[in-house]
């Protein structure tokens, strides 16, 4: 069997990602946290503000997947002053791990831990950004991509 044939056969066993909103949100969250951290380390706080909005979008998507009110996460978040900024990536990866184990191994989702990690991520962002401003700017960006039947391609 060739590697290509194997890949095609193996792909048939993959679950449909559209049925896994938590895993989708968690993976996006990890990516955006990494991009935010990269901008912060480069000193590009303008870019980091854009990425902060994207991180918050995926935090909200994670909450939606779990049936959690995002306001409960943001209201309980601190200022992140006592947390290392690099922890944003660690917490996002923890959420990916929880989602991955639920999607592929049938593990129960520890919603309390996900909520804690989300609150830590929001707290880290709050140390450098106005959260409400980041959310508003992100919605403005999203509105430019939005089509009546979903997001447009290439935006």
Protein backbone atom coordinates (compact mmCIF):
# COMPACT_ATOMS: atom_id res chain seq x y z
CA UNK A 1 0.00 0.00 0.00
CA UNK A 2 1.37 3.39 -0.94
CA UNK A 3 1.54 6.29 1.50
CA UNK A 4 -1.09 8.11 -0.58
CA UNK A 5 -3.47 5.11 -0.46
CA UNK A 6 -2.89 4.84 3.27
CA UNK A 7 -3.61 8.54 3.76
CA UNK A 8 -6.87 8.26 1.80
CA UNK A 9 -7.95 5.17 3.75
CA UNK A 10 -6.97 6.71 7.10
CA UNK A 11 -8.85 9.91 6.28
CA UNK A 12 -12.07 7.87 6.05
CA UNK A 13 -11.78 7.23 9.78
CA UNK A 14 -11.50 10.90 10.73
CA UNK A 15 -14.54 12.42 12.39
CA UNK A 16 -16.30 15.26 10.64
CA UNK A 17 -14.76 18.46 12.07
CA UNK A 18 -18.06 20.28 11.70
CA UNK A 19 -19.41 18.10 14.49
CA UNK A 20 -16.68 19.20 16.86
CA UNK A 21 -17.18 22.89 17.59
CA UNK A 22 -15.09 22.74 20.77
CA UNK A 23 -12.10 21.26 18.99
CA UNK A 24 -12.46 23.82 16.17
CA UNK A 25 -12.61 26.68 18.65
CA UNK A 26 -9.74 25.33 20.75
CA UNK A 27 -7.43 24.89 17.77
CA UNK A 28 -8.22 28.40 16.54
CA UNK A 29 -7.66 29.74 20.03
CA UNK A 30 -4.22 28.14 20.23
CA UNK A 31 -3.25 29.56 16.84
CA UNK A 32 -4.38 33.09 17.70
CA UNK A 33 -2.74 33.00 21.14
CA UNK A 34 0.52 32.12 19.41
CA UNK A 35 0.12 34.99 16.95
CA UNK A 36 -0.67 37.40 19.79
CA UNK A 37 2.37 36.26 21.72
CA UNK A 38 4.58 36.64 18.66
CA UNK A 39 3.40 40.24 18.13
CA UNK A 40 3.93 41.07 21.81
CA UNK A 41 7.47 39.66 21.75
CA UNK A 42 8.24 41.72 18.63
CA UNK A 43 6.86 44.83 20.31
CA UNK A 44 4.10 45.17 17.70
CA UNK A 45 1.30 46.21 20.02
CA UNK A 46 -0.88 47.38 17.14
CA UNK A 47 -0.74 43.89 15.65
CA UNK A 48 -1.20 42.40 19.10
CA UNK A 49 -4.43 44.39 19.48
CA UNK A 50 -5.78 42.83 16.29
CA UNK A 51 -4.72 39.37 17.48
CA UNK A 52 -6.28 40.04 20.89
CA UNK A 53 -9.62 40.48 19.14
CA UNK A 54 -9.10 37.18 17.33
CA UNK A 55 -8.18 35.45 20.59
CA UNK A 56 -11.34 36.82 22.19
CA UNK A 57 -13.40 35.64 19.20
CA UNK A 58 -12.15 32.08 19.75
CA UNK A 59 -12.66 32.39 23.52
CA UNK A 60 -16.28 33.30 22.79
CA UNK A 61 -16.54 30.41 20.30
CA UNK A 62 -15.21 28.04 22.96
CA UNK A 63 -17.82 29.30 25.40
CA UNK A 64 -20.54 28.84 22.78
CA UNK A 65 -19.40 25.26 22.19
CA UNK A 66 -19.68 24.58 25.92
CA UNK A 67 -22.90 26.51 26.55
CA UNK A 68 -21.04 28.95 28.81
CA UNK A 69 -21.78 32.68 28.95
CA UNK A 70 -18.63 34.51 27.83
CA UNK A 71 -19.53 37.40 30.16
CA UNK A 72 -18.92 35.08 33.10
CA UNK A 73 -15.37 34.57 31.84
CA UNK A 74 -14.62 38.22 31.14
CA UNK A 75 -16.26 39.46 34.34
CA UNK A 76 -14.17 37.09 36.44
CA UNK A 77 -10.89 37.83 34.69
CA UNK A 78 -8.21 39.81 36.47
CA UNK A 79 -5.61 42.13 35.00
CA UNK A 80 -3.04 39.47 34.23
CA UNK A 81 -0.32 41.46 35.96
CA UNK A 82 0.81 38.47 38.00
CA UNK A 83 0.90 36.05 35.06
CA UNK A 84 3.65 35.53 32.49
CA UNK A 85 2.42 36.45 29.02
CA UNK A 86 3.84 33.22 27.63
CA UNK A 87 1.26 31.36 29.70
CA UNK A 88 -1.36 32.37 27.14
CA UNK A 89 -0.05 29.66 24.81
CA UNK A 90 0.10 27.09 27.60
CA UNK A 91 -3.50 27.67 28.62
CA UNK A 92 -4.70 27.51 25.02
CA UNK A 93 -2.85 24.23 24.55
CA UNK A 94 -4.50 22.85 27.69
CA UNK A 95 -7.90 23.64 26.15
CA UNK A 96 -6.87 21.93 22.90
CA UNK A 97 -5.88 18.86 24.93
CA UNK A 98 -9.23 18.75 26.69
CA UNK A 99 -11.09 19.14 23.38
CA UNK A 100 -8.93 16.56 21.64
CA UNK A 101 -9.44 13.96 24.37
CA UNK A 102 -13.20 14.58 24.28
CA UNK A 103 -13.42 14.39 20.49
CA UNK A 104 -11.21 11.38 19.92
CA UNK A 105 -11.20 9.39 23.16
CA UNK A 106 -14.64 10.09 24.57
CA UNK A 107 -13.28 11.77 27.70
CA UNK A 108 -15.65 14.00 29.60
CA UNK A 109 -15.02 17.71 29.11
CA UNK A 110 -13.89 19.39 32.31
CA UNK A 111 -15.83 22.60 31.76
CA UNK A 112 -14.50 24.07 34.99
CA UNK A 113 -10.90 23.75 33.82
CA UNK A 114 -11.72 25.19 30.41
CA UNK A 115 -13.42 28.14 32.12
CA UNK A 116 -10.36 28.64 34.33
CA UNK A 117 -7.98 28.56 31.34
CA UNK A 118 -10.19 30.97 29.39
CA UNK A 119 -10.26 33.36 32.34
CA UNK A 120 -6.46 33.21 32.51
CA UNK A 121 -6.20 33.96 28.78
CA UNK A 122 -8.57 36.92 29.08
CA UNK A 123 -6.65 38.16 32.13
CA UNK A 124 -3.38 38.06 30.19
CA UNK A 125 -4.94 40.09 27.37
CA UNK A 126 -6.40 42.55 29.87
CA UNK A 127 -2.87 43.40 31.04
CA UNK A 128 -2.10 45.05 27.70
CA UNK A 129 -5.42 45.72 25.97
CA UNK A 130 -8.83 47.19 26.61
CA UNK A 131 -10.92 44.05 26.19
CA UNK A 132 -14.08 45.88 25.12
CA UNK A 133 -12.14 47.80 22.48
CA UNK A 134 -10.53 44.63 21.17
CA UNK A 135 -13.92 42.93 20.90
CA UNK A 136 -15.47 45.92 19.09
CA UNK A 137 -12.56 46.16 16.64
CA UNK A 138 -12.78 42.42 15.99
CA UNK A 139 -16.50 42.60 15.22
CA UNK A 140 -15.84 45.46 12.81
CA UNK A 141 -13.21 43.32 11.07
CA UNK A 142 -15.57 40.33 10.99
CA UNK A 143 -18.40 42.44 9.56
CA UNK A 144 -16.28 43.16 6.49
CA UNK A 145 -15.98 39.40 5.85
CA UNK A 146 -19.51 38.42 6.74
CA UNK A 147 -21.93 37.34 4.03
CA UNK A 148 -25.62 36.58 4.61
CA UNK A 149 -24.91 32.85 4.32
CA UNK A 150 -21.62 32.80 6.24
CA UNK A 151 -18.11 34.18 6.00
CA UNK A 152 -16.76 35.09 2.61
CA UNK A 153 -13.71 33.44 1.13
CA UNK A 154 -10.31 35.09 1.31
CA UNK A 155 -11.07 37.65 4.01
